[in-house]
Amino acid sequence: MADRTWTADDVADHFEEAFRTLRKLPPVKVQGYFNAWPQIVRSEKEILAMEPQPMRVWPSTAAITRLEQTFDWVLWIGEDERRLIWWRAARRPWKEISGELGVDRTTAWRRWQVSLAKIADRLNHQ
């Protein structure tokens, strides 16, 4: 990371990728519950008649590493700024964000840019 110059757009892209990686992770389940039944062996006819299951794409180890880096970055900014950055990474519309924050869209966008610039500045000075 030392040889790279970070911009606010790079940081925003990094957060969007982190959000997508979080969505790809398996759901958290309560430990201690398991299924002791054997797998059901289905015939070829049954398999063809079944509804297709959505394909689950798991994140790569590099994507998880970048996600963990992003978790370290959010400690450098305030709680409101964190919330704003994650909302934008989730692609929430500015109208919703500005309503949540109680400011107009331009002010919310400016705050988002300042938050990203703070992170980029800290990354560039490391």
Protein backbone atom coordinates (compact mmCIF):
# COMPACT_ATOMS: atom_id res chain seq x y z
CA MET A 1 0.00 0.00 0.00
CA ALA A 2 2.96 2.32 0.49
CA ASP A 3 3.73 2.56 -3.22
CA ARG A 4 0.17 3.53 -4.15
CA THR A 5 -1.41 6.98 -4.06
CA TRP A 6 -4.95 6.73 -2.74
CA THR A 7 -7.79 8.98 -3.85
CA ALA A 8 -11.32 9.33 -2.48
CA ASP A 9 -12.65 7.38 -5.48
CA ASP A 10 -10.23 4.51 -4.78
CA VAL A 11 -11.38 4.36 -1.18
CA ALA A 12 -15.05 4.43 -2.26
CA ASP A 13 -14.42 1.56 -4.70
CA HIS A 14 -12.66 -0.36 -1.94
CA PHE A 15 -15.68 0.05 0.35
CA GLU A 16 -18.08 -1.07 -2.38
CA GLU A 17 -16.01 -4.18 -2.94
CA ALA A 18 -15.95 -4.79 0.82
CA PHE A 19 -19.74 -4.54 0.94
CA ARG A 20 -20.09 -7.02 -1.93
CA THR A 21 -17.66 -9.38 -0.17
CA LEU A 22 -19.68 -9.17 3.05
CA ARG A 23 -22.82 -10.12 1.13
CA LYS A 24 -21.07 -13.19 -0.33
CA LEU A 25 -20.01 -14.56 3.05
CA PRO A 26 -22.07 -17.47 4.42
CA PRO A 27 -24.77 -16.62 6.95
CA VAL A 28 -23.98 -16.88 10.64
CA LYS A 29 -25.75 -19.84 12.22
CA VAL A 30 -26.16 -20.88 15.82
CA GLN A 31 -23.54 -23.45 16.76
CA GLY A 32 -24.59 -26.77 18.18
CA TYR A 33 -27.37 -27.61 15.73
CA PHE A 34 -26.69 -30.14 13.03
CA ASN A 35 -28.51 -32.64 10.88
CA ALA A 36 -27.86 -36.32 11.56
CA TRP A 37 -30.04 -37.55 8.71
CA PRO A 38 -28.28 -39.10 5.73
CA GLN A 39 -28.28 -37.29 2.39
CA ILE A 40 -31.28 -38.06 0.20
CA VAL A 41 -30.26 -39.85 -2.97
CA ARG A 42 -32.41 -38.53 -5.78
CA SER A 43 -33.00 -40.06 -9.17
CA GLU A 44 -32.11 -38.23 -12.36
CA LYS A 45 -35.81 -37.62 -13.06
CA GLU A 46 -36.31 -36.00 -9.65
CA ILE A 47 -33.27 -33.79 -10.13
CA LEU A 48 -34.54 -32.57 -13.51
CA ALA A 49 -37.98 -31.78 -12.02
CA MET A 50 -36.54 -29.73 -9.15
CA GLU A 51 -36.35 -25.96 -9.09
CA PRO A 52 -32.83 -24.80 -9.87
CA GLN A 53 -30.91 -23.67 -6.79
CA PRO A 54 -29.20 -20.30 -7.04
CA MET A 55 -25.48 -20.67 -7.45
CA ARG A 56 -23.59 -19.44 -4.40
CA VAL A 57 -20.39 -17.56 -5.16
CA TRP A 58 -17.94 -17.48 -2.27
CA PRO A 59 -15.47 -14.60 -1.90
CA SER A 60 -11.80 -15.20 -2.57
CA THR A 61 -9.19 -15.04 0.17
CA ALA A 62 -7.78 -11.84 -1.36
CA ALA A 63 -11.23 -10.22 -1.20
CA ILE A 64 -11.57 -11.22 2.46
CA THR A 65 -8.14 -9.76 3.20
CA ARG A 66 -9.15 -6.46 1.58
CA LEU A 67 -12.39 -6.55 3.62
CA GLU A 68 -10.37 -6.90 6.81
CA GLN A 69 -8.22 -3.93 5.78
CA THR A 70 -11.39 -1.91 5.29
CA PHE A 71 -12.51 -2.78 8.82
CA ASP A 72 -9.26 -1.26 10.09
CA TRP A 73 -9.86 1.92 8.08
CA VAL A 74 -13.25 2.65 9.60
CA LEU A 75 -11.62 3.08 13.01
CA TRP A 76 -9.99 6.28 11.71
CA ILE A 77 -13.29 8.13 11.30
CA GLY A 78 -16.35 8.91 13.41
CA GLU A 79 -19.44 6.76 13.75
CA ASP A 80 -21.65 9.02 11.60
CA GLU A 81 -19.02 9.02 8.86
CA ARG A 82 -18.79 5.22 9.00
CA ARG A 83 -22.53 4.89 8.63
CA LEU A 84 -22.53 7.30 5.68
CA ILE A 85 -19.71 5.46 3.90
CA TRP A 86 -21.33 2.05 4.34
CA TRP A 87 -24.70 3.37 3.16
CA ARG A 88 -23.10 4.62 -0.04
CA ALA A 89 -21.15 1.35 -0.44
CA ALA A 90 -24.54 -0.39 -0.26
CA ARG A 91 -25.71 2.00 -3.01
CA ARG A 92 -28.48 3.54 -0.97
CA PRO A 93 -29.92 6.57 -2.78
CA TRP A 94 -28.86 10.03 -1.67
CA LYS A 95 -32.48 10.93 -0.94
CA GLU A 96 -32.69 8.21 1.73
CA ILE A 97 -29.31 9.12 3.19
CA SER A 98 -30.06 12.82 3.37
CA GLY A 99 -33.41 12.08 5.04
CA GLU A 100 -31.67 9.84 7.59
CA LEU A 101 -29.04 12.48 8.37
CA GLY A 102 -31.48 15.41 8.29
CA VAL A 103 -29.44 17.39 5.74
CA ASP A 104 -29.80 18.12 2.04
CA ARG A 105 -28.23 15.91 -0.64
CA THR A 106 -25.30 18.19 -1.35
CA THR A 107 -24.31 18.35 2.31
CA ALA A 108 -24.53 14.56 2.62
CA TRP A 109 -22.37 14.17 -0.52
CA ARG A 110 -19.81 16.65 0.85
CA ARG A 111 -19.62 14.81 4.16
CA TRP A 112 -19.13 11.54 2.28
CA GLN A 113 -16.32 13.07 0.21
CA VAL A 114 -14.62 14.49 3.32
CA SER A 115 -14.83 11.10 5.06
CA LEU A 116 -13.29 9.34 2.06
CA ALA A 117 -10.60 12.03 1.81
CA LYS A 118 -9.70 11.54 5.50
CA ILE A 119 -9.14 7.82 4.90
CA ALA A 120 -7.21 8.42 1.66
CA ASP A 121 -5.01 11.01 3.37
CA ARG A 122 -4.23 8.63 6.22
CA LEU A 123 -3.42 5.83 3.75
CA ASN A 124 -1.11 8.10 1.77
CA HIS A 125 0.80 9.14 4.89
CA GLN A 126 1.43 5.60 6.14
